Amino acid sequence: MTVLPRSARSAAWHVLCLVIVAVVLYPLVWLAFASVKPPDEILSRLSLLPTRFVFDGYTKGWEGAADVGFGCFFLNSFLVAGLSVAANVFSCSLAAFAFARLNFRFRGALFAFMITTLMLPYHVTLIPQYVIFQQAGLVNTFVPLILPKLLATEAFFVFLIVQFMRGIPRELDEAAIIDGCSVYRTFWHVVLPLSKPALVTTSIFTFIWTWNDFFTQMVYLNDTEKFTVPLGLRLFVDTSSESNFGAMFAMSALALVPIVLFFLAFQRLLVEGVSTSGLKG
C-alpha cells in the first residue's frame, strides 16, 4: 500500500479545508451579490455576479416598510440585544457562582435539574409564559424578551460559566475572605474578573441568538414601530402583492454587520472561553 508523502497529505488537507470554507461562505457571498443585483435578475438569473451593480435595494430598504424606517428596526434590535446581554451575563454569573463556589443543601440535585432543562423544548414553556405576560399586560412590549434573561433561564450559559469558575483556584476566595471580603465582594472583585472569557462567550452567543431571534419576537410584538430586524425583513415579502427581494437581501446583508463586528472584537476571548470551559470540571 502506497503512503502519500507528508507534503501531499498536508496539501490535500488544506484543499479539503478550503472547499469546506467555500461551501460555508457561499450563501453569504450570494447574499452580498444578490443585494446589488437588478430586481429582475435576483430570482431569474443563476449567475453569481450581476450584469450591473444596482444599489437601489439599500436605499429603498433603509426607507423601511409600513411607513417605518429600517433604522427604527435596528434601534429596537440593539436595545433588545444589548439589554438581553447585560441581563443574561448578570443573572447567569450569579447562578454559576452559587453552584461553583457556595455550599448549600440540594446543590447537586438543583444543578442536575437545571441541566435537564436543556432537553426541554422551548415551545413547552412558550404558552404558559405568554399567558403570564398577557395577564400582566406586557404583551407588545420588550419586557417578555428581556425579563426571562434576568432569571438565569439559560441553563447552557450557567453550565458554561460554572465549568470555568470551577477551574479558578479556591485559594483566591480564601485569601479574599481572610482580607475581610464578603461573599458578594469575593464574587465581584475576585471570581468575576477572572471569569472574563466565559462572560464574553456568554455575551457573544446571547447577542447573536437574540439578534437573529424571529419566533419569540413575532409572538410578543404586534406594533410595527416595535419590530426588530428579523420582523422588519419579513415586511418586504408580501404574499398578496409584490415583494421587494432586493431591499430584503440588502437589509439582510446589512443586518450581518453588527454580528460580524461583535464576533471579531471578542474572537480571542470567545475561543479561550469555550476551550477552557470544556476542559475544566
C-alpha atoms as a PDB file:
ATOM      1  CA  MET A   1       0.000   0.000   0.000  1.00  0.00           C
ATOM      2  CA  THR A   2       1.450   3.304  -1.128  1.00  0.00           C
ATOM      3  CA  VAL A   3       1.630   6.011   1.514  1.00  0.00           C
ATOM      4  CA  LEU A   4       1.386   9.587   0.327  1.00  0.00           C
ATOM      5  CA  PRO A   5       4.233  11.892   1.267  1.00  0.00           C
ATOM      6  CA  ARG A   6       3.638  14.222   4.191  1.00  0.00           C
ATOM      7  CA  SER A   7       3.595  17.267   1.932  1.00  0.00           C
ATOM      8  CA  ALA A   8       0.924  15.674  -0.285  1.00  0.00           C
ATOM      9  CA  ARG A   9      -1.247  14.821   2.731  1.00  0.00           C
ATOM     10  CA  SER A  10      -0.877  18.359   4.036  1.00  0.00           C
ATOM     11  CA  ALA A  11      -1.810  19.810   0.654  1.00  0.00           C
ATOM     12  CA  ALA A  12      -4.849  17.535   0.389  1.00  0.00           C
ATOM     13  CA  TRP A  13      -5.967  18.541   3.887  1.00  0.00           C
ATOM     14  CA  HIS A  14      -5.657  22.240   3.067  1.00  0.00           C
ATOM     15  CA  VAL A  15      -7.593  21.775  -0.153  1.00  0.00           C
ATOM     16  CA  LEU A  16     -10.357  19.985   1.742  1.00  0.00           C
ATOM     17  CA  CYS A  17     -10.495  22.808   4.301  1.00  0.00           C
ATOM     18  CA  LEU A  18     -10.713  25.408   1.541  1.00  0.00           C
ATOM     19  CA  VAL A  19     -13.574  23.501  -0.089  1.00  0.00           C
ATOM     20  CA  ILE A  20     -15.462  23.349   3.210  1.00  0.00           C
ATOM     21  CA  VAL A  21     -14.880  27.075   3.794  1.00  0.00           C
ATOM     22  CA  ALA A  22     -16.125  27.837   0.279  1.00  0.00           C
ATOM     23  CA  VAL A  23     -19.302  25.810   0.863  1.00  0.00           C
ATOM     24  CA  VAL A  24     -19.940  27.566   4.187  1.00  0.00           C
ATOM     25  CA  LEU A  25     -19.270  31.073   2.853  1.00  0.00           C
ATOM     26  CA  TYR A  26     -21.098  30.689  -0.462  1.00  0.00           C
ATOM     27  CA  PRO A  27     -24.542  31.696   0.929  1.00  0.00           C
ATOM     28  CA  LEU A  28     -23.030  34.883   2.360  1.00  0.00           C
ATOM     29  CA  VAL A  29     -21.284  35.697  -0.920  1.00  0.00           C
ATOM     30  CA  TRP A  30     -24.511  35.001  -2.825  1.00  0.00           C
ATOM     31  CA  LEU A  31     -26.422  37.275  -0.447  1.00  0.00           C
ATOM     32  CA  ALA A  32     -23.894  40.079  -0.914  1.00  0.00           C
ATOM     33  CA  PHE A  33     -24.105  39.914  -4.711  1.00  0.00           C
ATOM     34  CA  ALA A  34     -27.889  39.444  -4.698  1.00  0.00           C
ATOM     35  CA  SER A  35     -28.255  42.678  -2.734  1.00  0.00           C
ATOM     36  CA  VAL A  36     -26.721  44.651  -5.632  1.00  0.00           C
ATOM     37  CA  LYS A  37     -28.474  42.831  -8.491  1.00  0.00           C
ATOM     38  CA  PRO A  38     -31.246  44.446 -10.547  1.00  0.00           C
ATOM     39  CA  PRO A  39     -34.678  43.293  -9.315  1.00  0.00           C
ATOM     40  CA  ASP A  40     -35.375  41.268 -12.468  1.00  0.00           C
ATOM     41  CA  GLU A  41     -32.158  39.208 -12.038  1.00  0.00           C
ATOM     42  CA  ILE A  42     -32.388  38.217  -8.367  1.00  0.00           C
ATOM     43  CA  LEU A  43     -34.559  35.127  -8.838  1.00  0.00           C
ATOM     44  CA  SER A  44     -34.409  34.657 -12.586  1.00  0.00           C
ATOM     45  CA  ARG A  45     -30.642  34.586 -13.207  1.00  0.00           C
ATOM     46  CA  LEU A  46     -28.489  31.812 -11.742  1.00  0.00           C
ATOM     47  CA  SER A  47     -25.175  33.597 -12.232  1.00  0.00           C
ATOM     48  CA  LEU A  48     -23.480  34.737  -9.038  1.00  0.00           C
ATOM     49  CA  LEU A  49     -22.282  38.042 -10.472  1.00  0.00           C
ATOM     50  CA  PRO A  50     -24.860  40.608 -11.626  1.00  0.00           C
ATOM     51  CA  THR A  51     -24.795  42.070 -15.127  1.00  0.00           C
ATOM     52  CA  ARG A  52     -24.680  45.518 -13.475  1.00  0.00           C
ATOM     53  CA  PHE A  53     -24.439  46.703  -9.897  1.00  0.00           C
ATOM     54  CA  VAL A  54     -27.542  48.413  -8.537  1.00  0.00           C
ATOM     55  CA  PHE A  55     -27.687  49.857  -5.023  1.00  0.00           C
ATOM     56  CA  ASP A  56     -31.352  50.784  -5.033  1.00  0.00           C
ATOM     57  CA  GLY A  57     -32.035  47.896  -2.661  1.00  0.00           C
ATOM     58  CA  TYR A  58     -30.054  49.612   0.091  1.00  0.00           C
ATOM     59  CA  THR A  59     -31.715  52.986  -0.335  1.00  0.00           C
ATOM     60  CA  LYS A  60     -35.234  51.579  -0.625  1.00  0.00           C
ATOM     61  CA  GLY A  61     -34.604  49.047   2.109  1.00  0.00           C
ATOM     62  CA  TRP A  62     -33.380  51.700   4.543  1.00  0.00           C
ATOM     63  CA  GLU A  63     -36.603  53.607   3.938  1.00  0.00           C
ATOM     64  CA  GLY A  64     -38.269  50.596   5.555  1.00  0.00           C
ATOM     65  CA  ALA A  65     -41.783  49.289   5.140  1.00  0.00           C
ATOM     66  CA  ALA A  66     -45.232  50.022   6.525  1.00  0.00           C
ATOM     67  CA  ASP A  67     -44.213  53.691   6.980  1.00  0.00           C
ATOM     68  CA  VAL A  68     -41.454  52.747   9.427  1.00  0.00           C
ATOM     69  CA  GLY A  69     -37.794  53.297   8.561  1.00  0.00           C
ATOM     70  CA  PHE A  70     -35.438  50.353   8.853  1.00  0.00           C
ATOM     71  CA  GLY A  71     -33.287  52.372  11.217  1.00  0.00           C
ATOM     72  CA  CYS A  72     -36.084  52.014  13.771  1.00  0.00           C
ATOM     73  CA  PHE A  73     -35.857  48.226  13.466  1.00  0.00           C
ATOM     74  CA  PHE A  74     -32.105  48.394  14.027  1.00  0.00           C
ATOM     75  CA  LEU A  75     -32.525  50.533  17.136  1.00  0.00           C
ATOM     76  CA  ASN A  76     -35.097  48.102  18.534  1.00  0.00           C
ATOM     77  CA  SER A  77     -32.801  45.156  17.887  1.00  0.00           C
ATOM     78  CA  PHE A  78     -29.843  46.906  19.513  1.00  0.00           C
ATOM     79  CA  LEU A  79     -31.994  47.748  22.534  1.00  0.00           C
ATOM     80  CA  VAL A  80     -33.334  44.212  22.979  1.00  0.00           C
ATOM     81  CA  ALA A  81     -29.996  42.512  22.268  1.00  0.00           C
ATOM     82  CA  GLY A  82     -27.992  44.880  24.474  1.00  0.00           C
ATOM     83  CA  LEU A  83     -30.312  44.564  27.468  1.00  0.00           C
ATOM     84  CA  SER A  84     -30.526  40.794  26.961  1.00  0.00           C
ATOM     85  CA  VAL A  85     -26.738  40.516  27.036  1.00  0.00           C
ATOM     86  CA  ALA A  86     -26.476  42.569  30.243  1.00  0.00           C
ATOM     87  CA  ALA A  87     -29.314  40.665  31.937  1.00  0.00           C
ATOM     88  CA  ASN A  88     -28.049  37.232  30.878  1.00  0.00           C
ATOM     89  CA  VAL A  89     -24.452  37.841  31.930  1.00  0.00           C
ATOM     90  CA  PHE A  90     -25.544  39.229  35.309  1.00  0.00           C
ATOM     91  CA  SER A  91     -28.038  36.508  36.222  1.00  0.00           C
ATOM     92  CA  CYS A  92     -26.114  33.534  34.809  1.00  0.00           C
ATOM     93  CA  SER A  93     -22.874  34.587  36.504  1.00  0.00           C
ATOM     94  CA  LEU A  94     -24.649  34.866  39.858  1.00  0.00           C
ATOM     95  CA  ALA A  95     -26.251  31.439  39.465  1.00  0.00           C
ATOM     96  CA  ALA A  96     -22.965  29.938  38.278  1.00  0.00           C
ATOM     97  CA  PHE A  97     -21.098  31.387  41.265  1.00  0.00           C
ATOM     98  CA  ALA A  98     -23.612  29.800  43.626  1.00  0.00           C
ATOM     99  CA  PHE A  99     -23.253  26.370  42.002  1.00  0.00           C
ATOM    100  CA  ALA A 100     -19.471  26.567  41.665  1.00  0.00           C
ATOM    101  CA  ARG A 101     -18.440  28.194  44.935  1.00  0.00           C
ATOM    102  CA  LEU A 102     -21.174  28.050  47.586  1.00  0.00           C
ATOM    103  CA  ASN A 103     -22.204  25.034  49.660  1.00  0.00           C
ATOM    104  CA  PHE A 104     -25.924  24.654  50.271  1.00  0.00           C
ATOM    105  CA  ARG A 105     -28.452  21.853  50.571  1.00  0.00           C
ATOM    106  CA  PHE A 106     -29.510  20.085  47.392  1.00  0.00           C
ATOM    107  CA  ARG A 107     -26.880  21.912  45.341  1.00  0.00           C
ATOM    108  CA  GLY A 108     -26.104  18.816  43.281  1.00  0.00           C
ATOM    109  CA  ALA A 109     -29.778  17.991  42.742  1.00  0.00           C
ATOM    110  CA  LEU A 110     -30.630  21.544  41.717  1.00  0.00           C
ATOM    111  CA  PHE A 111     -27.670  21.667  39.341  1.00  0.00           C
ATOM    112  CA  ALA A 112     -28.736  18.372  37.772  1.00  0.00           C
ATOM    113  CA  PHE A 113     -32.302  19.648  37.449  1.00  0.00           C
ATOM    114  CA  MET A 114     -31.011  22.779  35.755  1.00  0.00           C
ATOM    115  CA  ILE A 115     -29.034  20.695  33.269  1.00  0.00           C
ATOM    116  CA  THR A 116     -32.101  18.613  32.422  1.00  0.00           C
ATOM    117  CA  THR A 117     -33.910  21.790  31.338  1.00  0.00           C
ATOM    118  CA  LEU A 118     -31.547  21.851  28.345  1.00  0.00           C
ATOM    119  CA  MET A 119     -33.582  18.949  26.932  1.00  0.00           C
ATOM    120  CA  LEU A 120     -36.875  20.800  27.446  1.00  0.00           C
ATOM    121  CA  PRO A 121     -38.236  22.172  24.140  1.00  0.00           C
ATOM    122  CA  TYR A 122     -38.762  25.915  24.148  1.00  0.00           C
ATOM    123  CA  HIS A 123     -42.317  25.532  22.842  1.00  0.00           C
ATOM    124  CA  VAL A 124     -43.323  23.688  26.017  1.00  0.00           C
ATOM    125  CA  THR A 125     -42.880  26.829  28.113  1.00  0.00           C
ATOM    126  CA  LEU A 126     -43.955  29.319  25.452  1.00  0.00           C
ATOM    127  CA  ILE A 127     -47.708  29.167  26.081  1.00  0.00           C
ATOM    128  CA  PRO A 128     -47.502  29.428  29.910  1.00  0.00           C
ATOM    129  CA  GLN A 129     -45.079  32.335  29.581  1.00  0.00           C
ATOM    130  CA  TYR A 130     -47.328  34.061  27.065  1.00  0.00           C
ATOM    131  CA  VAL A 131     -50.357  33.688  29.348  1.00  0.00           C
ATOM    132  CA  ILE A 132     -48.421  35.167  32.279  1.00  0.00           C
ATOM    133  CA  PHE A 133     -47.169  38.160  30.266  1.00  0.00           C
ATOM    134  CA  GLN A 134     -50.597  38.698  28.714  1.00  0.00           C
ATOM    135  CA  GLN A 135     -52.303  38.774  32.115  1.00  0.00           C
ATOM    136  CA  ALA A 136     -49.637  41.195  33.313  1.00  0.00           C
ATOM    137  CA  GLY A 137     -50.304  43.463  30.325  1.00  0.00           C
ATOM    138  CA  LEU A 138     -46.755  43.125  29.000  1.00  0.00           C
ATOM    139  CA  VAL A 139     -47.502  41.706  25.549  1.00  0.00           C
ATOM    140  CA  ASN A 140     -46.445  44.046  22.733  1.00  0.00           C
ATOM    141  CA  THR A 141     -43.554  45.355  24.845  1.00  0.00           C
ATOM    142  CA  PHE A 142     -39.888  44.436  25.060  1.00  0.00           C
ATOM    143  CA  VAL A 143     -40.258  43.144  28.630  1.00  0.00           C
ATOM    144  CA  PRO A 144     -41.090  39.497  27.685  1.00  0.00           C
ATOM    145  CA  LEU A 145     -37.936  39.421  25.565  1.00  0.00           C
ATOM    146  CA  ILE A 146     -35.644  40.708  28.331  1.00  0.00           C
ATOM    147  CA  LEU A 147     -37.161  39.773  31.699  1.00  0.00           C
ATOM    148  CA  PRO A 148     -36.560  35.976  31.398  1.00  0.00           C
ATOM    149  CA  LYS A 149     -32.857  36.715  30.894  1.00  0.00           C
ATOM    150  CA  LEU A 150     -32.775  38.262  34.389  1.00  0.00           C
ATOM    151  CA  LEU A 151     -33.906  34.955  35.906  1.00  0.00           C
ATOM    152  CA  ALA A 152     -30.955  32.839  34.672  1.00  0.00           C
ATOM    153  CA  THR A 153     -33.214  30.741  32.459  1.00  0.00           C
ATOM    154  CA  GLU A 154     -30.384  29.982  30.012  1.00  0.00           C
ATOM    155  CA  ALA A 155     -29.048  26.759  31.523  1.00  0.00           C
ATOM    156  CA  PHE A 156     -26.400  26.411  28.826  1.00  0.00           C
ATOM    157  CA  PHE A 157     -24.678  29.637  29.864  1.00  0.00           C
ATOM    158  CA  VAL A 158     -24.962  28.826  33.568  1.00  0.00           C
ATOM    159  CA  PHE A 159     -23.257  25.492  32.911  1.00  0.00           C
ATOM    160  CA  LEU A 160     -20.583  27.189  30.777  1.00  0.00           C
ATOM    161  CA  ILE A 161     -19.687  29.697  33.492  1.00  0.00           C
ATOM    162  CA  VAL A 162     -19.838  27.056  36.239  1.00  0.00           C
ATOM    163  CA  GLN A 163     -17.277  24.937  34.400  1.00  0.00           C
ATOM    164  CA  PHE A 164     -14.988  27.939  34.056  1.00  0.00           C
ATOM    165  CA  MET A 165     -15.329  29.056  37.682  1.00  0.00           C
ATOM    166  CA  ARG A 166     -14.511  25.558  38.928  1.00  0.00           C
ATOM    167  CA  GLY A 167     -11.082  25.966  37.362  1.00  0.00           C
ATOM    168  CA  ILE A 168     -10.305  29.117  39.391  1.00  0.00           C
ATOM    169  CA  PRO A 169      -8.254  28.205  42.491  1.00  0.00           C
ATOM    170  CA  ARG A 170     -10.306  28.321  45.680  1.00  0.00           C
ATOM    171  CA  GLU A 171      -7.259  29.724  47.498  1.00  0.00           C
ATOM    172  CA  LEU A 172      -8.114  33.083  45.949  1.00  0.00           C
ATOM    173  CA  ASP A 173     -11.535  33.007  47.614  1.00  0.00           C
ATOM    174  CA  GLU A 174      -9.998  32.061  50.953  1.00  0.00           C
ATOM    175  CA  ALA A 175      -7.425  34.843  50.701  1.00  0.00           C
ATOM    176  CA  ALA A 176     -10.181  37.360  49.936  1.00  0.00           C
ATOM    177  CA  ILE A 177     -12.243  36.177  52.915  1.00  0.00           C
ATOM    178  CA  ILE A 178      -9.174  36.481  55.186  1.00  0.00           C
ATOM    179  CA  ASP A 179      -8.752  40.060  53.943  1.00  0.00           C
ATOM    180  CA  GLY A 180     -12.317  40.789  55.035  1.00  0.00           C
ATOM    181  CA  CYS A 181     -14.247  40.353  51.796  1.00  0.00           C
ATOM    182  CA  SER A 182     -17.812  39.148  51.984  1.00  0.00           C
ATOM    183  CA  VAL A 183     -19.207  36.560  49.604  1.00  0.00           C
ATOM    184  CA  TYR A 184     -20.542  39.277  47.345  1.00  0.00           C
ATOM    185  CA  ARG A 185     -17.247  41.167  47.248  1.00  0.00           C
ATOM    186  CA  THR A 186     -15.403  37.929  46.570  1.00  0.00           C
ATOM    187  CA  PHE A 187     -17.707  37.295  43.645  1.00  0.00           C
ATOM    188  CA  TRP A 188     -17.463  40.839  42.306  1.00  0.00           C
ATOM    189  CA  HIS A 189     -13.747  41.557  42.821  1.00  0.00           C
ATOM    190  CA  VAL A 190     -12.132  38.115  42.568  1.00  0.00           C
ATOM    191  CA  VAL A 191     -14.135  35.469  40.717  1.00  0.00           C
ATOM    192  CA  LEU A 192     -15.986  37.650  38.204  1.00  0.00           C
ATOM    193  CA  PRO A 193     -12.898  39.397  36.728  1.00  0.00           C
ATOM    194  CA  LEU A 194     -11.149  36.045  36.326  1.00  0.00           C
ATOM    195  CA  SER A 195     -14.206  34.659  34.501  1.00  0.00           C
ATOM    196  CA  LYS A 196     -13.933  37.216  31.704  1.00  0.00           C
ATOM    197  CA  PRO A 197     -13.501  34.681  28.843  1.00  0.00           C
ATOM    198  CA  ALA A 198     -16.638  32.777  29.875  1.00  0.00           C
ATOM    199  CA  LEU A 199     -18.586  36.026  30.282  1.00  0.00           C
ATOM    200  CA  VAL A 200     -17.510  37.220  26.842  1.00  0.00           C
ATOM    201  CA  THR A 201     -18.559  33.886  25.354  1.00  0.00           C
ATOM    202  CA  THR A 202     -21.961  34.261  27.011  1.00  0.00           C
ATOM    203  CA  SER A 203     -22.252  37.824  25.709  1.00  0.00           C
ATOM    204  CA  ILE A 204     -21.430  36.889  22.122  1.00  0.00           C
ATOM    205  CA  PHE A 205     -23.840  33.962  21.903  1.00  0.00           C
ATOM    206  CA  THR A 206     -26.595  35.888  23.683  1.00  0.00           C
ATOM    207  CA  PHE A 207     -26.186  38.814  21.297  1.00  0.00           C
ATOM    208  CA  ILE A 208     -26.206  36.618  18.198  1.00  0.00           C
ATOM    209  CA  TRP A 209     -29.150  34.469  19.306  1.00  0.00           C
ATOM    210  CA  THR A 210     -31.203  37.488  20.370  1.00  0.00           C
ATOM    211  CA  TRP A 211     -30.366  39.464  17.237  1.00  0.00           C
ATOM    212  CA  ASN A 212     -31.418  36.561  14.995  1.00  0.00           C
ATOM    213  CA  ASP A 213     -34.447  35.528  17.049  1.00  0.00           C
ATOM    214  CA  PHE A 214     -37.590  35.666  14.938  1.00  0.00           C
ATOM    215  CA  PHE A 215     -40.122  33.390  16.593  1.00  0.00           C
ATOM    216  CA  THR A 216     -40.183  34.878  20.113  1.00  0.00           C
ATOM    217  CA  GLN A 217     -40.270  38.444  18.829  1.00  0.00           C
ATOM    218  CA  MET A 218     -43.042  37.574  16.407  1.00  0.00           C
ATOM    219  CA  VAL A 219     -45.110  36.145  19.258  1.00  0.00           C
ATOM    220  CA  TYR A 220     -44.802  39.105  21.627  1.00  0.00           C
ATOM    221  CA  LEU A 221     -44.519  42.155  19.335  1.00  0.00           C
ATOM    222  CA  ASN A 222     -47.535  43.459  17.421  1.00  0.00           C
ATOM    223  CA  ASP A 223     -46.892  47.115  16.536  1.00  0.00           C
ATOM    224  CA  THR A 224     -44.677  47.744  13.532  1.00  0.00           C
ATOM    225  CA  GLU A 225     -42.841  50.527  15.383  1.00  0.00           C
ATOM    226  CA  LYS A 226     -41.605  47.928  17.874  1.00  0.00           C
ATOM    227  CA  PHE A 227     -40.457  45.380  15.316  1.00  0.00           C
ATOM    228  CA  THR A 228     -36.855  44.215  15.346  1.00  0.00           C
ATOM    229  CA  VAL A 229     -34.662  43.472  12.324  1.00  0.00           C
ATOM    230  CA  PRO A 230     -35.933  39.885  11.692  1.00  0.00           C
ATOM    231  CA  LEU A 231     -39.553  41.074  11.789  1.00  0.00           C
ATOM    232  CA  GLY A 232     -38.696  44.093   9.655  1.00  0.00           C
ATOM    233  CA  LEU A 233     -37.188  41.860   6.977  1.00  0.00           C
ATOM    234  CA  ARG A 234     -40.427  39.897   6.804  1.00  0.00           C
ATOM    235  CA  LEU A 235     -42.302  43.057   5.791  1.00  0.00           C
ATOM    236  CA  PHE A 236     -40.508  43.113   2.431  1.00  0.00           C
ATOM    237  CA  VAL A 237     -42.140  39.793   1.468  1.00  0.00           C
ATOM    238  CA  ASP A 238     -45.861  40.103   0.820  1.00  0.00           C
ATOM    239  CA  THR A 239     -47.839  37.124  -0.419  1.00  0.00           C
ATOM    240  CA  SER A 240     -50.761  39.295  -1.539  1.00  0.00           C
ATOM    241  CA  SER A 241     -48.792  41.878  -3.543  1.00  0.00           C
ATOM    242  CA  GLU A 242     -45.338  42.492  -4.979  1.00  0.00           C
ATOM    243  CA  SER A 243     -42.355  41.504  -2.841  1.00  0.00           C
ATOM    244  CA  ASN A 244     -39.209  43.618  -2.709  1.00  0.00           C
ATOM    245  CA  PHE A 245     -36.499  40.964  -2.642  1.00  0.00           C
ATOM    246  CA  GLY A 246     -33.760  43.465  -3.491  1.00  0.00           C
ATOM    247  CA  ALA A 247     -34.454  45.513  -0.378  1.00  0.00           C
ATOM    248  CA  MET A 248     -34.821  42.392   1.742  1.00  0.00           C
ATOM    249  CA  PHE A 249     -31.446  40.983   0.643  1.00  0.00           C
ATOM    250  CA  ALA A 250     -29.787  44.379   1.046  1.00  0.00           C
ATOM    251  CA  MET A 251     -31.044  44.804   4.611  1.00  0.00           C
ATOM    252  CA  SER A 252     -30.203  41.157   5.347  1.00  0.00           C
ATOM    253  CA  ALA A 253     -26.602  41.831   4.335  1.00  0.00           C
ATOM    254  CA  LEU A 254     -26.587  44.988   6.439  1.00  0.00           C
ATOM    255  CA  ALA A 255     -28.018  43.104   9.418  1.00  0.00           C
ATOM    256  CA  LEU A 256     -24.991  40.794   9.408  1.00  0.00           C
ATOM    257  CA  VAL A 257     -22.566  43.658  10.035  1.00  0.00           C
ATOM    258  CA  PRO A 258     -23.199  44.070  13.816  1.00  0.00           C
ATOM    259  CA  ILE A 259     -22.882  40.311  14.367  1.00  0.00           C
ATOM    260  CA  VAL A 260     -19.605  40.091  12.434  1.00  0.00           C
ATOM    261  CA  LEU A 261     -18.127  43.121  14.208  1.00  0.00           C
ATOM    262  CA  PHE A 262     -19.216  41.828  17.622  1.00  0.00           C
ATOM    263  CA  PHE A 263     -17.654  38.450  16.899  1.00  0.00           C
ATOM    264  CA  LEU A 264     -14.387  39.851  15.543  1.00  0.00           C
ATOM    265  CA  ALA A 265     -13.982  42.194  18.503  1.00  0.00           C
ATOM    266  CA  PHE A 266     -14.091  39.328  21.022  1.00  0.00           C
ATOM    267  CA  GLN A 267     -12.939  36.383  18.928  1.00  0.00           C
ATOM    268  CA  ARG A 268      -9.846  35.628  21.018  1.00  0.00           C
ATOM    269  CA  LEU A 269     -11.750  35.597  24.307  1.00  0.00           C
ATOM    270  CA  LEU A 270     -14.530  33.525  22.715  1.00  0.00           C
ATOM    271  CA  VAL A 271     -12.148  30.725  21.737  1.00  0.00           C
ATOM    272  CA  GLU A 272     -10.455  30.861  25.146  1.00  0.00           C
ATOM    273  CA  GLY A 273     -13.768  30.751  26.988  1.00  0.00           C
ATOM    274  CA  VAL A 274     -15.151  27.795  25.049  1.00  0.00           C
ATOM    275  CA  SER A 275     -11.947  25.737  25.171  1.00  0.00           C
ATOM    276  CA  THR A 276     -11.157  26.260  28.849  1.00  0.00           C
ATOM    277  CA  SER A 277     -14.758  25.777  29.962  1.00  0.00           C
ATOM    278  CA  GLY A 278     -14.803  22.404  28.259  1.00  0.00           C
ATOM    279  CA  LEU A 279     -11.558  21.248  29.873  1.00  0.00           C
ATOM    280  CA  LYS A 280     -12.183  22.303  33.471  1.00  0.00           C
ATOM    281  CA  GLY A 281     -14.506  20.254  35.603  1.00  0.00           C
END
